[in-house]
Amino acid sequence: MRKLVGLICAAVVGLGLPTAAKAEELRIVGTGDGIEILSAVGELYMERQPETTIIVPPSIGSGGGILAVGSGREILGRIARPLTDAEKAQGVVAVPFVKLPSAFYVHRSTGVSSLTGAQIRGLFSGSIENWREVGGNDLRVRVVRREDRDSTLLVLRATMPGWDKLVFTEKSKTAFTTQEGIETVRDVEGAIGFGPYSANLPDDLVVLKVDGLFPTDDGYPSANAVDIIYSEKTVTPQARDFLSFLSSPEARAIMRRMGGVPTK
């Protein structure tokens, strides 16, 4: 009986105690482009607003992010292509986040760090099959490309001279996410690939200069926009606050430091 009374008293006392507020979890799903920058911005936001937890999962593609947000499964998404009219009609809204230069990168075994635009086209088309043909090591070229609707590839076709009609070599391997493309080039000797530039690319990749220009140099011709999306039907006050934070001086400083260009 004494034990039962003690339990009841403890329960009554517990009812009077304040409980810690549960942090809201905001998952931002979608493209792999800019994932490191968004994660860093999210970390800073959580330092400022510890009641909100920002999670940036691995890539499911822009289309996957749009589907998740449009269906109400997730509050926020990340995309590297414009919304279609049909997607906008469903109430999905895009907020500008950052622009990422398109980069070409190679495995260190290739022995090159700077090429002309024509040489790069030759590598991807298959007309150049050995790295020694462009001043590199005697090693077979291994081409890693992306699927036709990939955001970086679409930007390259629209901005890089000669890429609008470029036909990839039949010997190329197709990577279906940004991470897969990076990992394949990192792990395969003689490999070359492309994707959004990040200052956090693995150290064992070499980012190429194109016609003497590094991706972050003025005059580099190719960059892609990454946006954050939400649905008018499901957006929360905390999500809106995070979206506002993206345009803060602190967030924009992180973008620049990591190789991105803040969207005006």
Protein backbone atom coordinates (compact mmCIF):
# COMPACT_ATOMS: atom_id res chain seq x y z
CA MET A 1 0.00 0.00 0.00
CA ARG A 2 2.83 2.42 0.87
CA LYS A 3 4.44 1.62 -2.49
CA LEU A 4 1.20 2.42 -4.34
CA VAL A 5 0.79 5.75 -2.49
CA GLY A 6 4.39 6.63 -3.33
CA LEU A 7 3.79 5.99 -7.02
CA ILE A 8 0.63 8.11 -7.02
CA CYS A 9 2.43 11.00 -5.29
CA ALA A 10 5.29 10.81 -7.78
CA ALA A 11 2.82 10.93 -10.66
CA VAL A 12 1.04 13.97 -9.19
CA VAL A 13 4.34 15.78 -8.64
CA GLY A 14 5.40 14.90 -12.18
CA LEU A 15 2.27 16.51 -13.57
CA GLY A 16 3.31 19.80 -12.03
CA LEU A 17 6.79 19.84 -13.55
CA PRO A 18 7.49 21.74 -16.77
CA THR A 19 8.63 19.53 -19.66
CA ALA A 20 11.23 20.44 -22.25
CA ALA A 21 9.77 21.55 -25.55
CA LYS A 22 10.22 18.98 -28.29
CA ALA A 23 12.41 20.20 -31.14
CA GLU A 24 10.71 20.36 -34.53
CA GLU A 25 12.49 18.25 -37.11
CA LEU A 26 12.80 19.74 -40.59
CA ARG A 27 14.00 17.29 -43.23
CA ILE A 28 15.09 18.94 -46.49
CA VAL A 29 14.99 16.27 -49.20
CA GLY A 30 15.83 16.26 -52.90
CA THR A 31 18.83 16.96 -55.14
CA GLY A 32 22.40 16.14 -54.19
CA ASP A 33 23.56 19.50 -55.58
CA GLY A 34 24.71 21.85 -52.81
CA ILE A 35 24.11 19.30 -50.07
CA GLU A 36 27.29 20.24 -48.15
CA ILE A 37 26.46 23.95 -48.25
CA LEU A 38 22.89 23.37 -47.08
CA SER A 39 24.10 21.11 -44.26
CA ALA A 40 26.54 23.79 -43.08
CA VAL A 41 23.85 26.48 -43.18
CA GLY A 42 21.55 24.13 -41.27
CA GLU A 43 24.19 23.61 -38.57
CA LEU A 44 24.52 27.36 -38.07
CA TYR A 45 20.75 27.78 -37.94
CA MET A 46 20.48 25.12 -35.22
CA GLU A 47 23.05 27.01 -33.16
CA ARG A 48 20.78 30.06 -33.38
CA GLN A 49 17.50 28.14 -33.04
CA PRO A 50 18.13 24.96 -31.00
CA GLU A 51 14.40 24.20 -30.86
CA THR A 52 14.56 23.21 -34.54
CA THR A 53 16.52 20.26 -35.92
CA ILE A 54 17.59 20.51 -39.57
CA ILE A 55 18.24 17.21 -41.38
CA VAL A 56 19.66 17.06 -44.93
CA PRO A 57 19.41 13.41 -46.10
CA PRO A 58 21.28 11.91 -49.09
CA SER A 59 20.00 12.71 -52.58
CA ILE A 60 16.69 11.42 -53.92
CA GLY A 61 16.86 13.80 -56.91
CA SER A 62 14.96 17.00 -57.59
CA GLY A 63 11.92 15.02 -58.73
CA GLY A 64 11.92 13.00 -55.52
CA GLY A 65 12.04 16.19 -53.45
CA ILE A 66 9.15 17.73 -55.38
CA LEU A 67 7.06 14.58 -54.98
CA ALA A 68 7.77 14.41 -51.23
CA VAL A 69 6.83 18.06 -50.63
CA GLY A 70 3.87 18.08 -53.02
CA SER A 71 2.37 14.99 -51.38
CA GLY A 72 2.78 16.45 -47.89
CA ARG A 73 5.23 13.76 -46.81
CA GLU A 74 7.95 16.37 -46.18
CA ILE A 75 7.82 20.09 -45.32
CA LEU A 76 10.89 21.27 -47.27
CA GLY A 77 12.74 20.06 -50.36
CA ARG A 78 15.73 21.01 -52.48
CA ILE A 79 15.75 21.20 -56.28
CA ALA A 80 18.31 21.92 -58.99
CA ARG A 81 15.84 22.60 -61.79
CA PRO A 82 12.93 25.02 -62.28
CA LEU A 83 9.47 23.96 -61.18
CA THR A 84 7.08 23.10 -63.98
CA ASP A 85 3.74 24.89 -64.34
CA ALA A 86 1.99 21.73 -63.17
CA GLU A 87 4.12 21.58 -60.02
CA LYS A 88 3.45 25.24 -59.28
CA ALA A 89 -0.28 24.61 -59.75
CA GLN A 90 -0.09 22.03 -56.95
CA GLY A 91 1.02 24.78 -54.57
CA VAL A 92 4.76 24.03 -54.57
CA VAL A 93 6.81 27.22 -54.15
CA ALA A 94 10.56 27.66 -54.83
CA VAL A 95 12.79 29.96 -52.74
CA PRO A 96 16.19 30.87 -54.30
CA PHE A 97 19.10 29.45 -52.29
CA VAL A 98 22.48 29.33 -54.07
CA LYS A 99 24.14 29.06 -57.47
CA LEU A 100 26.78 26.38 -57.94
CA PRO A 101 29.39 26.50 -60.72
CA SER A 102 29.47 23.36 -62.85
CA ALA A 103 32.78 21.55 -62.39
CA PHE A 104 34.75 18.89 -64.24
CA TYR A 105 36.80 16.64 -61.99
CA VAL A 106 39.19 13.75 -62.53
CA HIS A 107 40.91 10.95 -60.62
CA ARG A 108 44.40 12.00 -59.50
CA SER A 109 45.93 9.20 -61.56
CA THR A 110 45.17 11.12 -64.77
CA GLY A 111 48.00 13.59 -64.18
CA VAL A 112 46.11 16.65 -65.47
CA SER A 113 44.70 19.75 -63.76
CA SER A 114 43.93 22.13 -66.63
CA LEU A 115 42.39 21.45 -70.06
CA THR A 116 40.77 23.35 -72.88
CA GLY A 117 37.07 23.15 -73.52
CA ALA A 118 37.77 21.29 -76.77
CA GLN A 119 39.90 18.69 -74.96
CA ILE A 120 37.16 18.10 -72.40
CA ARG A 121 34.60 17.59 -75.16
CA GLY A 122 36.97 15.12 -76.81
CA LEU A 123 37.28 13.14 -73.59
CA PHE A 124 33.53 12.87 -73.05
CA SER A 125 32.79 12.10 -76.70
CA GLY A 126 35.41 9.36 -76.85
CA SER A 127 37.58 10.92 -79.55
CA ILE A 128 40.33 11.13 -76.90
CA GLU A 129 40.80 7.72 -75.27
CA ASN A 130 44.11 8.04 -73.40
CA TRP A 131 45.19 10.75 -70.96
CA ARG A 132 48.62 11.03 -72.60
CA GLU A 133 46.84 12.64 -75.59
CA VAL A 134 46.16 15.72 -73.41
CA GLY A 135 49.47 15.78 -71.53
CA GLY A 136 48.55 13.32 -68.80
CA ASN A 137 49.65 9.82 -67.85
CA ASP A 138 49.49 6.76 -70.10
CA LEU A 139 46.10 5.67 -68.84
CA ARG A 140 42.76 4.84 -70.42
CA VAL A 141 40.05 7.50 -70.09
CA ARG A 142 37.01 6.36 -68.08
CA VAL A 143 34.01 8.63 -68.66
CA VAL A 144 31.36 9.09 -65.95
CA ARG A 145 28.30 10.95 -67.21
CA ARG A 146 24.87 11.82 -65.78
CA GLU A 147 21.37 11.00 -67.03
CA ASP A 148 19.93 13.26 -69.72
CA ARG A 149 17.67 15.21 -67.31
CA ASP A 150 20.41 15.87 -64.75
CA SER A 151 20.47 19.55 -63.79
CA THR A 152 24.23 20.02 -64.22
CA LEU A 153 24.18 18.36 -67.65
CA LEU A 154 21.30 20.59 -68.77
CA VAL A 155 23.26 23.67 -67.68
CA LEU A 156 26.40 22.46 -69.46
CA ARG A 157 24.44 21.89 -72.65
CA ALA A 158 23.04 25.41 -72.40
CA THR A 159 26.24 27.26 -71.47
CA MET A 160 29.42 25.39 -72.45
CA PRO A 161 30.48 25.83 -76.10
CA GLY A 162 29.90 22.64 -78.10
CA TRP A 163 27.96 20.85 -75.36
CA ASP A 164 24.56 21.42 -76.94
CA LYS A 165 25.32 18.72 -79.53
CA LEU A 166 27.81 16.62 -77.57
CA VAL A 167 27.23 12.85 -77.84
CA PHE A 168 28.76 10.85 -74.99
CA THR A 169 30.96 7.88 -75.77
CA GLU A 170 29.14 4.54 -75.65
CA LYS A 171 31.78 3.38 -73.17
CA SER A 172 30.65 5.90 -70.54
CA LYS A 173 29.10 4.96 -67.20
CA THR A 174 25.93 6.77 -66.10
CA ALA A 175 25.72 7.97 -62.49
CA PHE A 176 22.22 8.74 -61.23
CA THR A 177 23.05 10.98 -58.26
CA THR A 178 25.67 13.63 -57.54
CA GLN A 179 27.17 11.45 -54.81
CA GLU A 180 27.39 8.42 -57.11
CA GLY A 181 29.19 10.47 -59.75
CA ILE A 182 31.72 11.81 -57.25
CA GLU A 183 32.35 8.40 -55.68
CA THR A 184 32.81 6.70 -59.06
CA VAL A 185 35.40 9.23 -60.26
CA ARG A 186 37.14 9.06 -56.87
CA ASP A 187 37.37 5.26 -56.97
CA VAL A 188 38.16 4.56 -60.65
CA GLU A 189 41.62 5.26 -62.08
CA GLY A 190 41.52 7.39 -65.22
CA ALA A 191 37.99 8.62 -64.54
CA ILE A 192 36.52 12.01 -65.45
CA GLY A 193 33.09 13.32 -64.46
CA PHE A 194 31.16 16.50 -63.79
CA GLY A 195 28.81 17.95 -61.22
CA PRO A 196 28.16 21.03 -59.08
CA TYR A 197 31.32 22.55 -57.63
CA SER A 198 31.89 22.36 -53.89
CA ALA A 199 34.88 23.36 -51.80
CA ASN A 200 34.29 20.09 -49.92
CA LEU A 201 34.85 17.73 -52.85
CA PRO A 202 37.10 14.79 -51.83
CA ASP A 203 40.82 15.59 -51.73
CA ASP A 204 41.59 12.71 -54.09
CA LEU A 205 39.64 14.43 -56.89
CA VAL A 206 41.23 17.11 -59.07
CA VAL A 207 38.90 19.92 -60.15
CA LEU A 208 39.93 21.02 -63.63
CA LYS A 209 40.57 24.50 -64.89
CA VAL A 210 38.75 25.03 -68.19
CA ASP A 211 40.55 27.32 -70.64
CA GLY A 212 42.56 28.61 -67.68
CA LEU A 213 39.55 29.34 -65.45
CA PHE A 214 38.71 27.63 -62.14
CA PRO A 215 34.97 27.20 -61.40
CA THR A 216 34.99 30.07 -58.87
CA ASP A 217 36.86 32.49 -61.17
CA ASP A 218 35.10 35.45 -62.76
CA GLY A 219 34.16 34.62 -66.31
CA TYR A 220 33.64 30.90 -65.74
CA PRO A 221 30.65 30.25 -68.00
CA SER A 222 28.55 27.60 -66.29
CA ALA A 223 26.54 27.60 -63.04
CA ASN A 224 23.30 26.03 -61.81
CA ALA A 225 20.73 27.34 -59.33
CA VAL A 226 19.60 25.35 -56.29
CA ASP A 227 16.28 26.31 -54.69
CA ILE A 228 14.46 25.27 -51.51
CA ILE A 229 10.81 24.33 -51.99
CA TYR A 230 7.75 24.15 -49.77
CA SER A 231 4.00 23.69 -50.15
CA GLU A 232 1.55 26.40 -49.17
CA LYS A 233 -0.61 23.62 -47.69
CA THR A 234 1.94 22.28 -45.20
CA VAL A 235 4.61 24.92 -44.52
CA THR A 236 5.15 25.62 -40.81
CA PRO A 237 6.26 28.80 -39.00
CA GLN A 238 9.59 27.14 -38.21
CA ALA A 239 10.09 26.28 -41.89
CA ARG A 240 9.35 29.87 -42.90
CA ASP A 241 11.85 31.11 -40.33
CA PHE A 242 14.55 28.84 -41.77
CA LEU A 243 13.75 30.04 -45.29
CA SER A 244 14.21 33.63 -44.13
CA PHE A 245 17.54 32.69 -42.55
CA LEU A 246 18.87 31.58 -45.95
CA SER A 247 19.19 35.22 -47.03
CA SER A 248 20.96 36.33 -43.83
CA PRO A 249 24.56 37.64 -44.00
CA GLU A 250 25.76 34.67 -41.93
CA ALA A 251 24.21 32.10 -44.26
CA ARG A 252 25.47 33.87 -47.36
CA ALA A 253 29.00 33.96 -45.93
CA ILE A 254 28.92 30.16 -45.57
CA MET A 255 27.76 29.79 -49.18
CA ARG A 256 30.66 31.89 -50.47
CA ARG A 257 33.21 30.13 -48.27
CA MET A 258 32.12 26.74 -49.62
CA GLY A 259 32.28 27.73 -53.28
CA GLY A 260 28.69 28.80 -53.92
CA VAL A 261 27.29 32.08 -55.15
CA PRO A 262 24.38 33.39 -53.01
CA THR A 263 21.27 34.02 -55.08
CA LYS A 264 20.30 37.69 -55.16
